[in-house]
Amino acid sequence: MLKKSYIAIAASGLTLLPSLAFAQPRSVQDVIDLVNAAVGWFETIIFAIAIIMILVAAFQFLTAAGNEEKVSTARKSLVWGLVGIAVALFARVAKDFVLNALQRR
């Protein structure tokens, strides 16, 4: 299952390579636009995965039926979903910080 996920992520990443080959920046604004687009896609993908993880955790909580092992697994899924949201929010803040630093120069 995990191997299939890695293959899917790699395949989706490979589909973006041709667009990067033609992304030859001519100015700072081109670099800013490229960073903006890349981080925007990263945020969207991470938010989607995090929301799916939270929904999986909710389902695991509902189906645990008092089994401590299943509840523990559900808690871990919930924590990792929240970590994913934190990472996506940090990416947005880091993007804004870098873009502001580039625009000042």
PDB file of N, CA and C in Angstrom:
ATOM      1  N   MET A   1       0.828  -1.193   0.000  1.00  0.00           N
ATOM      2  CA  MET A   1       0.000   0.000   0.000  1.00  0.00           C
ATOM      3  C   MET A   1       0.869   1.252   0.000  1.00  0.00           C
ATOM      4  N   LEU A   2       1.907   1.261   0.852  1.00  0.00           N
ATOM      5  CA  LEU A   2       2.779   2.413   0.949  1.00  0.00           C
ATOM      6  C   LEU A   2       3.584   2.593  -0.331  1.00  0.00           C
ATOM      7  N   LYS A   3       3.980   1.484  -0.947  1.00  0.00           N
ATOM      8  CA  LYS A   3       4.743   1.541  -2.184  1.00  0.00           C
ATOM      9  C   LYS A   3       3.898   2.150  -3.299  1.00  0.00           C
ATOM     10  N   LYS A   4       2.609   1.827  -3.337  1.00  0.00           N
ATOM     11  CA  LYS A   4       1.713   2.396  -4.341  1.00  0.00           C
ATOM     12  C   LYS A   4       1.572   3.903  -4.142  1.00  0.00           C
ATOM     13  N   SER A   5       1.563   4.346  -2.892  1.00  0.00           N
ATOM     14  CA  SER A   5       1.467   5.778  -2.612  1.00  0.00           C
ATOM     15  C   SER A   5       2.705   6.503  -3.119  1.00  0.00           C
ATOM     16  N   TYR A   6       3.881   5.914  -2.880  1.00  0.00           N
ATOM     17  CA  TYR A   6       5.117   6.518  -3.366  1.00  0.00           C
ATOM     18  C   TYR A   6       5.138   6.588  -4.886  1.00  0.00           C
ATOM     19  N   ILE A   7       4.649   5.549  -5.526  1.00  0.00           N
ATOM     20  CA  ILE A   7       4.610   5.538  -6.986  1.00  0.00           C
ATOM     21  C   ILE A   7       3.658   6.611  -7.502  1.00  0.00           C
ATOM     22  N   ALA A   8       2.513   6.775  -6.844  1.00  0.00           N
ATOM     23  CA  ALA A   8       1.549   7.794  -7.267  1.00  0.00           C
ATOM     24  C   ALA A   8       2.119   9.194  -7.081  1.00  0.00           C
ATOM     25  N   ILE A   9       2.800   9.425  -5.984  1.00  0.00           N
ATOM     26  CA  ILE A   9       3.405  10.737  -5.734  1.00  0.00           C
ATOM     27  C   ILE A   9       4.501  11.012  -6.755  1.00  0.00           C
ATOM     28  N   ALA A  10       5.319  10.013  -7.040  1.00  0.00           N
ATOM     29  CA  ALA A  10       6.397  10.186  -8.022  1.00  0.00           C
ATOM     30  C   ALA A  10       5.824  10.449  -9.411  1.00  0.00           C
ATOM     31  N   ALA A  11       4.767   9.740  -9.769  1.00  0.00           N
ATOM     32  CA  ALA A  11       4.163   9.940 -11.085  1.00  0.00           C
ATOM     33  C   ALA A  11       3.562  11.332 -11.209  1.00  0.00           C
ATOM     34  N   SER A  12       2.923  11.811 -10.153  1.00  0.00           N
ATOM     35  CA  SER A  12       2.347  13.164 -10.213  1.00  0.00           C
ATOM     36  C   SER A  12       3.450  14.214 -10.255  1.00  0.00           C
ATOM     37  N   GLY A  13       4.566  13.949  -9.583  1.00  0.00           N
ATOM     38  CA  GLY A  13       5.689  14.879  -9.638  1.00  0.00           C
ATOM     39  C   GLY A  13       6.331  14.904 -11.014  1.00  0.00           C
ATOM     40  N   LEU A  14       6.398  13.745 -11.655  1.00  0.00           N
ATOM     41  CA  LEU A  14       6.986  13.677 -12.995  1.00  0.00           C
ATOM     42  C   LEU A  14       6.146  14.405 -14.037  1.00  0.00           C
ATOM     43  N   THR A  15       4.857  14.524 -13.799  1.00  0.00           N
ATOM     44  CA  THR A  15       4.019  15.239 -14.754  1.00  0.00           C
ATOM     45  C   THR A  15       4.299  16.744 -14.742  1.00  0.00           C
ATOM     46  N   LEU A  16       4.885  17.242 -13.665  1.00  0.00           N
ATOM     47  CA  LEU A  16       5.193  18.670 -13.574  1.00  0.00           C
ATOM     48  C   LEU A  16       6.552  19.021 -14.164  1.00  0.00           C
ATOM     49  N   LEU A  17       7.388  18.030 -14.444  1.00  0.00           N
ATOM     50  CA  LEU A  17       8.734  18.308 -14.949  1.00  0.00           C
ATOM     51  C   LEU A  17       8.757  19.084 -16.264  1.00  0.00           C
ATOM     52  N   PRO A  18       7.906  18.778 -17.246  1.00  0.00           N
ATOM     53  CA  PRO A  18       7.967  19.570 -18.474  1.00  0.00           C
ATOM     54  C   PRO A  18       7.684  21.056 -18.257  1.00  0.00           C
ATOM     55  N   SER A  19       6.788  21.377 -17.349  1.00  0.00           N
ATOM     56  CA  SER A  19       6.506  22.791 -17.089  1.00  0.00           C
ATOM     57  C   SER A  19       7.692  23.476 -16.425  1.00  0.00           C
ATOM     58  N   LEU A  20       8.464  22.738 -15.640  1.00  0.00           N
ATOM     59  CA  LEU A  20       9.650  23.317 -15.020  1.00  0.00           C
ATOM     60  C   LEU A  20      10.776  23.510 -16.033  1.00  0.00           C
ATOM     61  N   ALA A  21      10.818  22.678 -17.048  1.00  0.00           N
ATOM     62  CA  ALA A  21      11.862  22.809 -18.067  1.00  0.00           C
ATOM     63  C   ALA A  21      11.702  24.112 -18.846  1.00  0.00           C
ATOM     64  N   PHE A  22      10.482  24.549 -19.036  1.00  0.00           N
ATOM     65  CA  PHE A  22      10.236  25.781 -19.773  1.00  0.00           C
ATOM     66  C   PHE A  22      10.151  26.998 -18.871  1.00  0.00           C
ATOM     67  N   ALA A  23      10.340  26.807 -17.584  1.00  0.00           N
ATOM     68  CA  ALA A  23      10.233  27.897 -16.618  1.00  0.00           C
ATOM     69  C   ALA A  23      11.597  28.535 -16.409  1.00  0.00           C
ATOM     70  N   GLN A  24      12.084  29.195 -17.423  1.00  0.00           N
ATOM     71  CA  GLN A  24      13.377  29.863 -17.327  1.00  0.00           C
ATOM     72  C   GLN A  24      13.134  31.313 -16.936  1.00  0.00           C
ATOM     73  N   PRO A  25      13.424  31.640 -15.694  1.00  0.00           N
ATOM     74  CA  PRO A  25      13.112  32.981 -15.206  1.00  0.00           C
ATOM     75  C   PRO A  25      13.977  34.041 -15.878  1.00  0.00           C
ATOM     76  N   ARG A  26      13.336  35.151 -16.215  1.00  0.00           N
ATOM     77  CA  ARG A  26      14.047  36.268 -16.822  1.00  0.00           C
ATOM     78  C   ARG A  26      14.173  37.440 -15.864  1.00  0.00           C
ATOM     79  N   SER A  27      13.406  37.378 -14.773  1.00  0.00           N
ATOM     80  CA  SER A  27      13.469  38.459 -13.801  1.00  0.00           C
ATOM     81  C   SER A  27      13.132  37.897 -12.420  1.00  0.00           C
ATOM     82  N   VAL A  28      13.274  38.754 -11.436  1.00  0.00           N
ATOM     83  CA  VAL A  28      12.940  38.354 -10.067  1.00  0.00           C
ATOM     84  C   VAL A  28      11.452  38.053  -9.961  1.00  0.00           C
ATOM     85  N   GLN A  29      10.640  38.788 -10.688  1.00  0.00           N
ATOM     86  CA  GLN A  29       9.197  38.559 -10.645  1.00  0.00           C
ATOM     87  C   GLN A  29       8.845  37.170 -11.164  1.00  0.00           C
ATOM     88  N   ASP A  30       9.574  36.673 -12.151  1.00  0.00           N
ATOM     89  CA  ASP A  30       9.343  35.313 -12.640  1.00  0.00           C
ATOM     90  C   ASP A  30       9.655  34.279 -11.557  1.00  0.00           C
ATOM     91  N   VAL A  31      10.723  34.504 -10.808  1.00  0.00           N
ATOM     92  CA  VAL A  31      11.072  33.600  -9.708  1.00  0.00           C
ATOM     93  C   VAL A  31       9.995  33.651  -8.631  1.00  0.00           C
ATOM     94  N   ILE A  32       9.523  34.852  -8.343  1.00  0.00           N
ATOM     95  CA  ILE A  32       8.470  35.015  -7.336  1.00  0.00           C
ATOM     96  C   ILE A  32       7.209  34.276  -7.769  1.00  0.00           C
ATOM     97  N   ASP A  33       6.841  34.417  -9.040  1.00  0.00           N
ATOM     98  CA  ASP A  33       5.649  33.735  -9.540  1.00  0.00           C
ATOM     99  C   ASP A  33       5.818  32.217  -9.495  1.00  0.00           C
ATOM    100  N   LEU A  34       7.018  31.737  -9.815  1.00  0.00           N
ATOM    101  CA  LEU A  34       7.282  30.300  -9.779  1.00  0.00           C
ATOM    102  C   LEU A  34       7.199  29.754  -8.351  1.00  0.00           C
ATOM    103  N   VAL A  35       7.789  30.454  -7.411  1.00  0.00           N
ATOM    104  CA  VAL A  35       7.726  30.042  -5.995  1.00  0.00           C
ATOM    105  C   VAL A  35       6.283  30.078  -5.507  1.00  0.00           C
ATOM    106  N   ASN A  36       5.571  31.110  -5.884  1.00  0.00           N
ATOM    107  CA  ASN A  36       4.164  31.250  -5.495  1.00  0.00           C
ATOM    108  C   ASN A  36       3.344  30.067  -5.998  1.00  0.00           C
ATOM    109  N   ALA A  37       3.536  29.695  -7.251  1.00  0.00           N
ATOM    110  CA  ALA A  37       2.779  28.582  -7.825  1.00  0.00           C
ATOM    111  C   ALA A  37       3.162  27.257  -7.173  1.00  0.00           C
ATOM    112  N   ALA A  38       4.457  27.033  -6.972  1.00  0.00           N
ATOM    113  CA  ALA A  38       4.906  25.764  -6.390  1.00  0.00           C
ATOM    114  C   ALA A  38       4.390  25.594  -4.968  1.00  0.00           C
ATOM    115  N   VAL A  39       4.487  26.632  -4.172  1.00  0.00           N
ATOM    116  CA  VAL A  39       4.022  26.539  -2.786  1.00  0.00           C
ATOM    117  C   VAL A  39       2.497  26.442  -2.739  1.00  0.00           C
ATOM    118  N   GLY A  40       1.826  27.095  -3.665  1.00  0.00           N
ATOM    119  CA  GLY A  40       0.365  26.983  -3.728  1.00  0.00           C
ATOM    120  C   GLY A  40      -0.067  25.542  -3.977  1.00  0.00           C
ATOM    121  N   TRP A  41       0.604  24.866  -4.914  1.00  0.00           N
ATOM    122  CA  TRP A  41       0.296  23.465  -5.170  1.00  0.00           C
ATOM    123  C   TRP A  41       0.632  22.605  -3.963  1.00  0.00           C
ATOM    124  N   PHE A  42       1.776  22.869  -3.336  1.00  0.00           N
ATOM    125  CA  PHE A  42       2.186  22.112  -2.154  1.00  0.00           C
ATOM    126  C   PHE A  42       1.144  22.256  -1.048  1.00  0.00           C
ATOM    127  N   GLU A  43       0.702  23.487  -0.805  1.00  0.00           N
ATOM    128  CA  GLU A  43      -0.316  23.733   0.228  1.00  0.00           C
ATOM    129  C   GLU A  43      -1.583  22.948  -0.056  1.00  0.00           C
ATOM    130  N   THR A  44      -2.039  23.008  -1.292  1.00  0.00           N
ATOM    131  CA  THR A  44      -3.290  22.345  -1.657  1.00  0.00           C
ATOM    132  C   THR A  44      -3.199  20.842  -1.448  1.00  0.00           C
ATOM    133  N   ILE A  45      -2.101  20.253  -1.888  1.00  0.00           N
ATOM    134  CA  ILE A  45      -1.935  18.804  -1.754  1.00  0.00           C
ATOM    135  C   ILE A  45      -1.840  18.400  -0.287  1.00  0.00           C
ATOM    136  N   ILE A  46      -1.066  19.143   0.503  1.00  0.00           N
ATOM    137  CA  ILE A  46      -0.896  18.806   1.918  1.00  0.00           C
ATOM    138  C   ILE A  46      -2.208  18.996   2.678  1.00  0.00           C
ATOM    139  N   PHE A  47      -2.950  20.079   2.383  1.00  0.00           N
ATOM    140  CA  PHE A  47      -4.238  20.278   3.043  1.00  0.00           C
ATOM    141  C   PHE A  47      -5.193  19.130   2.715  1.00  0.00           C
ATOM    142  N   ALA A  48      -5.218  18.703   1.461  1.00  0.00           N
ATOM    143  CA  ALA A  48      -6.112  17.609   1.075  1.00  0.00           C
ATOM    144  C   ALA A  48      -5.746  16.325   1.809  1.00  0.00           C
ATOM    145  N   ILE A  49      -4.454  16.011   1.857  1.00  0.00           N
ATOM    146  CA  ILE A  49      -4.018  14.797   2.557  1.00  0.00           C
ATOM    147  C   ILE A  49      -4.338  14.897   4.044  1.00  0.00           C
ATOM    148  N   ALA A  50      -4.135  16.076   4.635  1.00  0.00           N
ATOM    149  CA  ALA A  50      -4.410  16.252   6.063  1.00  0.00           C
ATOM    150  C   ALA A  50      -5.899  16.091   6.366  1.00  0.00           C
ATOM    151  N   ILE A  51      -6.734  16.632   5.522  1.00  0.00           N
ATOM    152  CA  ILE A  51      -8.184  16.497   5.743  1.00  0.00           C
ATOM    153  C   ILE A  51      -8.603  15.042   5.613  1.00  0.00           C
ATOM    154  N   ILE A  52      -8.027  14.338   4.641  1.00  0.00           N
ATOM    155  CA  ILE A  52      -8.332  12.912   4.504  1.00  0.00           C
ATOM    156  C   ILE A  52      -7.877  12.154   5.747  1.00  0.00           C
ATOM    157  N   MET A  53      -6.707  12.499   6.275  1.00  0.00           N
ATOM    158  CA  MET A  53      -6.219  11.838   7.494  1.00  0.00           C
ATOM    159  C   MET A  53      -7.151  12.099   8.675  1.00  0.00           C
ATOM    160  N   ILE A  54      -7.654  13.306   8.787  1.00  0.00           N
ATOM    161  CA  ILE A  54      -8.567  13.624   9.885  1.00  0.00           C
ATOM    162  C   ILE A  54      -9.876  12.858   9.730  1.00  0.00           C
ATOM    163  N   LEU A  55     -10.366  12.732   8.499  1.00  0.00           N
ATOM    164  CA  LEU A  55     -11.581  11.955   8.270  1.00  0.00           C
ATOM    165  C   LEU A  55     -11.352  10.470   8.568  1.00  0.00           C
ATOM    166  N   VAL A  56     -10.195   9.951   8.209  1.00  0.00           N
ATOM    167  CA  VAL A  56      -9.859   8.560   8.525  1.00  0.00           C
ATOM    168  C   VAL A  56      -9.796   8.377  10.038  1.00  0.00           C
ATOM    169  N   ALA A  57      -9.192   9.348  10.729  1.00  0.00           N
ATOM    170  CA  ALA A  57      -9.116   9.266  12.191  1.00  0.00           C
ATOM    171  C   ALA A  57     -10.515   9.278  12.809  1.00  0.00           C
ATOM    172  N   ALA A  58     -11.397  10.105  12.272  1.00  0.00           N
ATOM    173  CA  ALA A  58     -12.771  10.145  12.792  1.00  0.00           C
ATOM    174  C   ALA A  58     -13.453   8.800  12.592  1.00  0.00           C
ATOM    175  N   PHE A  59     -13.265   8.217  11.415  1.00  0.00           N
ATOM    176  CA  PHE A  59     -13.846   6.898  11.159  1.00  0.00           C
ATOM    177  C   PHE A  59     -13.259   5.855  12.095  1.00  0.00           C
ATOM    178  N   GLN A  60     -11.960   5.941  12.346  1.00  0.00           N
ATOM    179  CA  GLN A  60     -11.318   4.988  13.256  1.00  0.00           C
ATOM    180  C   GLN A  60     -11.844   5.149  14.678  1.00  0.00           C
ATOM    181  N   PHE A  61     -12.075   6.392  15.104  1.00  0.00           N
ATOM    182  CA  PHE A  61     -12.654   6.614  16.434  1.00  0.00           C
ATOM    183  C   PHE A  61     -14.049   6.007  16.521  1.00  0.00           C
ATOM    184  N   LEU A  62     -14.827   6.200  15.468  1.00  0.00           N
ATOM    185  CA  LEU A  62     -16.193   5.691  15.492  1.00  0.00           C
ATOM    186  C   LEU A  62     -16.254   4.169  15.491  1.00  0.00           C
ATOM    187  N   THR A  63     -15.309   3.540  14.823  1.00  0.00           N
ATOM    188  CA  THR A  63     -15.340   2.083  14.729  1.00  0.00           C
ATOM    189  C   THR A  63     -14.472   1.385  15.764  1.00  0.00           C
ATOM    190  N   ALA A  64     -13.844   2.124  16.666  1.00  0.00           N
ATOM    191  CA  ALA A  64     -12.954   1.525  17.665  1.00  0.00           C
ATOM    192  C   ALA A  64     -13.708   0.675  18.669  1.00  0.00           C
ATOM    193  N   ALA A  65     -14.902   1.061  19.015  1.00  0.00           N
ATOM    194  CA  ALA A  65     -15.753   0.313  19.949  1.00  0.00           C
ATOM    195  C   ALA A  65     -15.045   0.012  21.267  1.00  0.00           C
ATOM    196  N   GLY A  66     -14.281   0.987  21.755  1.00  0.00           N
ATOM    197  CA  GLY A  66     -13.640   0.843  23.047  1.00  0.00           C
ATOM    198  C   GLY A  66     -12.323   0.090  23.021  1.00  0.00           C
ATOM    199  N   ASN A  67     -11.905  -0.399  21.879  1.00  0.00           N
ATOM    200  CA  ASN A  67     -10.628  -1.111  21.757  1.00  0.00           C
ATOM    201  C   ASN A  67      -9.499  -0.080  21.858  1.00  0.00           C
ATOM    202  N   GLU A  68      -8.691  -0.226  22.903  1.00  0.00           N
ATOM    203  CA  GLU A  68      -7.637   0.765  23.175  1.00  0.00           C
ATOM    204  C   GLU A  68      -6.620   0.854  22.044  1.00  0.00           C
ATOM    205  N   GLU A  69      -6.318  -0.254  21.406  1.00  0.00           N
ATOM    206  CA  GLU A  69      -5.344  -0.252  20.308  1.00  0.00           C
ATOM    207  C   GLU A  69      -5.864   0.554  19.120  1.00  0.00           C
ATOM    208  N   LYS A  70      -7.148   0.384  18.809  1.00  0.00           N
ATOM    209  CA  LYS A  70      -7.736   1.134  17.695  1.00  0.00           C
ATOM    210  C   LYS A  70      -7.870   2.619  18.034  1.00  0.00           C
ATOM    211  N   VAL A  71      -8.186   2.912  19.286  1.00  0.00           N
ATOM    212  CA  VAL A  71      -8.272   4.310  19.718  1.00  0.00           C
ATOM    213  C   VAL A  71      -6.900   4.967  19.619  1.00  0.00           C
ATOM    214  N   SER A  72      -5.861   4.235  19.990  1.00  0.00           N
ATOM    215  CA  SER A  72      -4.499   4.762  19.901  1.00  0.00           C
ATOM    216  C   SER A  72      -4.122   5.031  18.442  1.00  0.00           C
ATOM    217  N   THR A  73      -4.490   4.134  17.551  1.00  0.00           N
ATOM    218  CA  THR A  73      -4.223   4.336  16.126  1.00  0.00           C
ATOM    219  C   THR A  73      -4.982   5.552  15.609  1.00  0.00           C
ATOM    220  N   ALA A  74      -6.213   5.717  16.053  1.00  0.00           N
ATOM    221  CA  ALA A  74      -7.016   6.867  15.628  1.00  0.00           C
ATOM    222  C   ALA A  74      -6.402   8.169  16.130  1.00  0.00           C
ATOM    223  N   ARG A  75      -5.915   8.168  17.353  1.00  0.00           N
ATOM    224  CA  ARG A  75      -5.272   9.374  17.891  1.00  0.00           C
ATOM    225  C   ARG A  75      -4.032   9.738  17.087  1.00  0.00           C
ATOM    226  N   LYS A  76      -3.246   8.727  16.734  1.00  0.00           N
ATOM    227  CA  LYS A  76      -2.040   8.974  15.932  1.00  0.00           C
ATOM    228  C   LYS A  76      -2.409   9.544  14.563  1.00  0.00           C
ATOM    229  N   SER A  77      -3.457   9.011  13.957  1.00  0.00           N
ATOM    230  CA  SER A  77      -3.904   9.532  12.656  1.00  0.00           C
ATOM    231  C   SER A  77      -4.368  10.970  12.782  1.00  0.00           C
ATOM    232  N   LEU A  78      -5.074  11.269  13.856  1.00  0.00           N
ATOM    233  CA  LEU A  78      -5.547  12.630  14.077  1.00  0.00           C
ATOM    234  C   LEU A  78      -4.374  13.586  14.279  1.00  0.00           C
ATOM    235  N   VAL A  79      -3.405  13.169  15.065  1.00  0.00           N
ATOM    236  CA  VAL A  79      -2.234  14.017  15.310  1.00  0.00           C
ATOM    237  C   VAL A  79      -1.490  14.274  14.013  1.00  0.00           C
ATOM    238  N   TRP A  80      -1.284  13.231  13.205  1.00  0.00           N
ATOM    239  CA  TRP A  80      -0.559  13.431  11.952  1.00  0.00           C
ATOM    240  C   TRP A  80      -1.356  14.275  10.967  1.00  0.00           C
ATOM    241  N   GLY A  81      -2.668  14.187  10.995  1.00  0.00           N
ATOM    242  CA  GLY A  81      -3.489  15.076  10.171  1.00  0.00           C
ATOM    243  C   GLY A  81      -3.331  16.525  10.591  1.00  0.00           C
ATOM    244  N   LEU A  82      -3.312  16.762  11.892  1.00  0.00           N
ATOM    245  CA  LEU A  82      -3.111  18.125  12.388  1.00  0.00           C
ATOM    246  C   LEU A  82      -1.698  18.625  12.100  1.00  0.00           C
ATOM    247  N   VAL A  83      -0.716  17.723  12.152  1.00  0.00           N
ATOM    248  CA  VAL A  83       0.648  18.103  11.793  1.00  0.00           C
ATOM    249  C   VAL A  83       0.702  18.502  10.317  1.00  0.00           C
ATOM    250  N   GLY A  84      -0.020  17.787   9.480  1.00  0.00           N
ATOM    251  CA  GLY A  84      -0.081  18.136   8.054  1.00  0.00           C
ATOM    252  C   GLY A  84      -0.653  19.521   7.835  1.00  0.00           C
ATOM    253  N   ILE A  85      -1.698  19.878   8.571  1.00  0.00           N
ATOM    254  CA  ILE A  85      -2.263  21.216   8.455  1.00  0.00           C
ATOM    255  C   ILE A  85      -1.255  22.253   8.935  1.00  0.00           C
ATOM    256  N   ALA A  86      -0.554  21.953  10.014  1.00  0.00           N
ATOM    257  CA  ALA A  86       0.469  22.884  10.511  1.00  0.00           C
ATOM    258  C   ALA A  86       1.580  23.083   9.483  1.00  0.00           C
ATOM    259  N   VAL A  87       1.994  22.012   8.824  1.00  0.00           N
ATOM    260  CA  VAL A  87       3.039  22.113   7.799  1.00  0.00           C
ATOM    261  C   VAL A  87       2.561  22.973   6.635  1.00  0.00           C
ATOM    262  N   ALA A  88       1.321  22.778   6.210  1.00  0.00           N
ATOM    263  CA  ALA A  88       0.793  23.572   5.104  1.00  0.00           C
ATOM    264  C   ALA A  88       0.692  25.049   5.492  1.00  0.00           C
ATOM    265  N   LEU A  89       0.280  25.322   6.710  1.00  0.00           N
ATOM    266  CA  LEU A  89       0.218  26.721   7.154  1.00  0.00           C
ATOM    267  C   LEU A  89       1.613  27.325   7.264  1.00  0.00           C
ATOM    268  N   PHE A  90       2.574  26.520   7.740  1.00  0.00           N
ATOM    269  CA  PHE A  90       3.954  26.998   7.812  1.00  0.00           C
ATOM    270  C   PHE A  90       4.501  27.277   6.412  1.00  0.00           C
ATOM    271  N   ALA A  91       4.126  26.455   5.446  1.00  0.00           N
ATOM    272  CA  ALA A  91       4.571  26.688   4.059  1.00  0.00           C
ATOM    273  C   ALA A  91       4.041  28.020   3.555  1.00  0.00           C
ATOM    274  N   ARG A  92       2.804  28.337   3.887  1.00  0.00           N
ATOM    275  CA  ARG A  92       2.227  29.618   3.455  1.00  0.00           C
ATOM    276  C   ARG A  92       2.961  30.787   4.109  1.00  0.00           C
ATOM    277  N   VAL A  93       3.242  30.674   5.398  1.00  0.00           N
ATOM    278  CA  VAL A  93       3.942  31.753   6.107  1.00  0.00           C
ATOM    279  C   VAL A  93       5.369  31.887   5.578  1.00  0.00           C
ATOM    280  N   ALA A  94       6.043  30.762   5.353  1.00  0.00           N
ATOM    281  CA  ALA A  94       7.408  30.801   4.828  1.00  0.00           C
ATOM    282  C   ALA A  94       7.428  31.404   3.427  1.00  0.00           C
ATOM    283  N   LYS A  95       6.424  31.067   2.614  1.00  0.00           N
ATOM    284  CA  LYS A  95       6.326  31.633   1.266  1.00  0.00           C
ATOM    285  C   LYS A  95       6.180  33.141   1.337  1.00  0.00           C
ATOM    286  N   ASP A  96       5.295  33.613   2.188  1.00  0.00           N
ATOM    287  CA  ASP A  96       5.100  35.061   2.320  1.00  0.00           C
ATOM    288  C   ASP A  96       6.366  35.746   2.810  1.00  0.00           C
ATOM    289  N   PHE A  97       7.086  35.113   3.731  1.00  0.00           N
ATOM    290  CA  PHE A  97       8.329  35.680   4.247  1.00  0.00           C
ATOM    291  C   PHE A  97       9.376  35.794   3.141  1.00  0.00           C
ATOM    292  N   VAL A  98       9.543  34.719   2.370  1.00  0.00           N
ATOM    293  CA  VAL A  98      10.538  34.729   1.293  1.00  0.00           C
ATOM    294  C   VAL A  98      10.155  35.727   0.212  1.00  0.00           C
ATOM    295  N   LEU A  99       8.871  35.771  -0.145  1.00  0.00           N
ATOM    296  CA  LEU A  99       8.447  36.711  -1.187  1.00  0.00           C
ATOM    297  C   LEU A  99       8.624  38.164  -0.743  1.00  0.00           C
ATOM    298  N   ASN A 100       8.334  38.437   0.518  1.00  0.00           N
ATOM    299  CA  ASN A 100       8.559  39.799   1.029  1.00  0.00           C
ATOM    300  C   ASN A 100      10.041  40.138   1.029  1.00  0.00           C
ATOM    301  N   ALA A 101      10.881  39.173   1.370  1.00  0.00           N
ATOM    302  CA  ALA A 101      12.336  39.423   1.360  1.00  0.00           C
ATOM    303  C   ALA A 101      12.832  39.671  -0.056  1.00  0.00           C
ATOM    304  N   LEU A 102      12.307  38.942  -1.044  1.00  0.00           N
ATOM    305  CA  LEU A 102      12.727  39.130  -2.426  1.00  0.00           C
ATOM    306  C   LEU A 102      12.219  40.454  -3.003  1.00  0.00           C
ATOM    307  N   GLN A 103      11.039  40.870  -2.606  1.00  0.00           N
ATOM    308  CA  GLN A 103      10.476  42.096  -3.160  1.00  0.00           C
ATOM    309  C   GLN A 103      11.107  43.345  -2.583  1.00  0.00           C
ATOM    310  N   ARG A 104      11.730  43.244  -1.421  1.00  0.00           N
ATOM    311  CA  ARG A 104      12.386  44.404  -0.825  1.00  0.00           C
ATOM    312  C   ARG A 104      13.671  44.755  -1.562  1.00  0.00           C
ATOM    313  N   ARG A 105      14.278  43.799  -2.201  1.00  0.00           N
ATOM    314  CA  ARG A 105      15.563  44.025  -2.867  1.00  0.00           C
ATOM    315  C   ARG A 105      15.401  44.588  -4.219  1.00  0.00           C
TER     316      ARG A 105
END
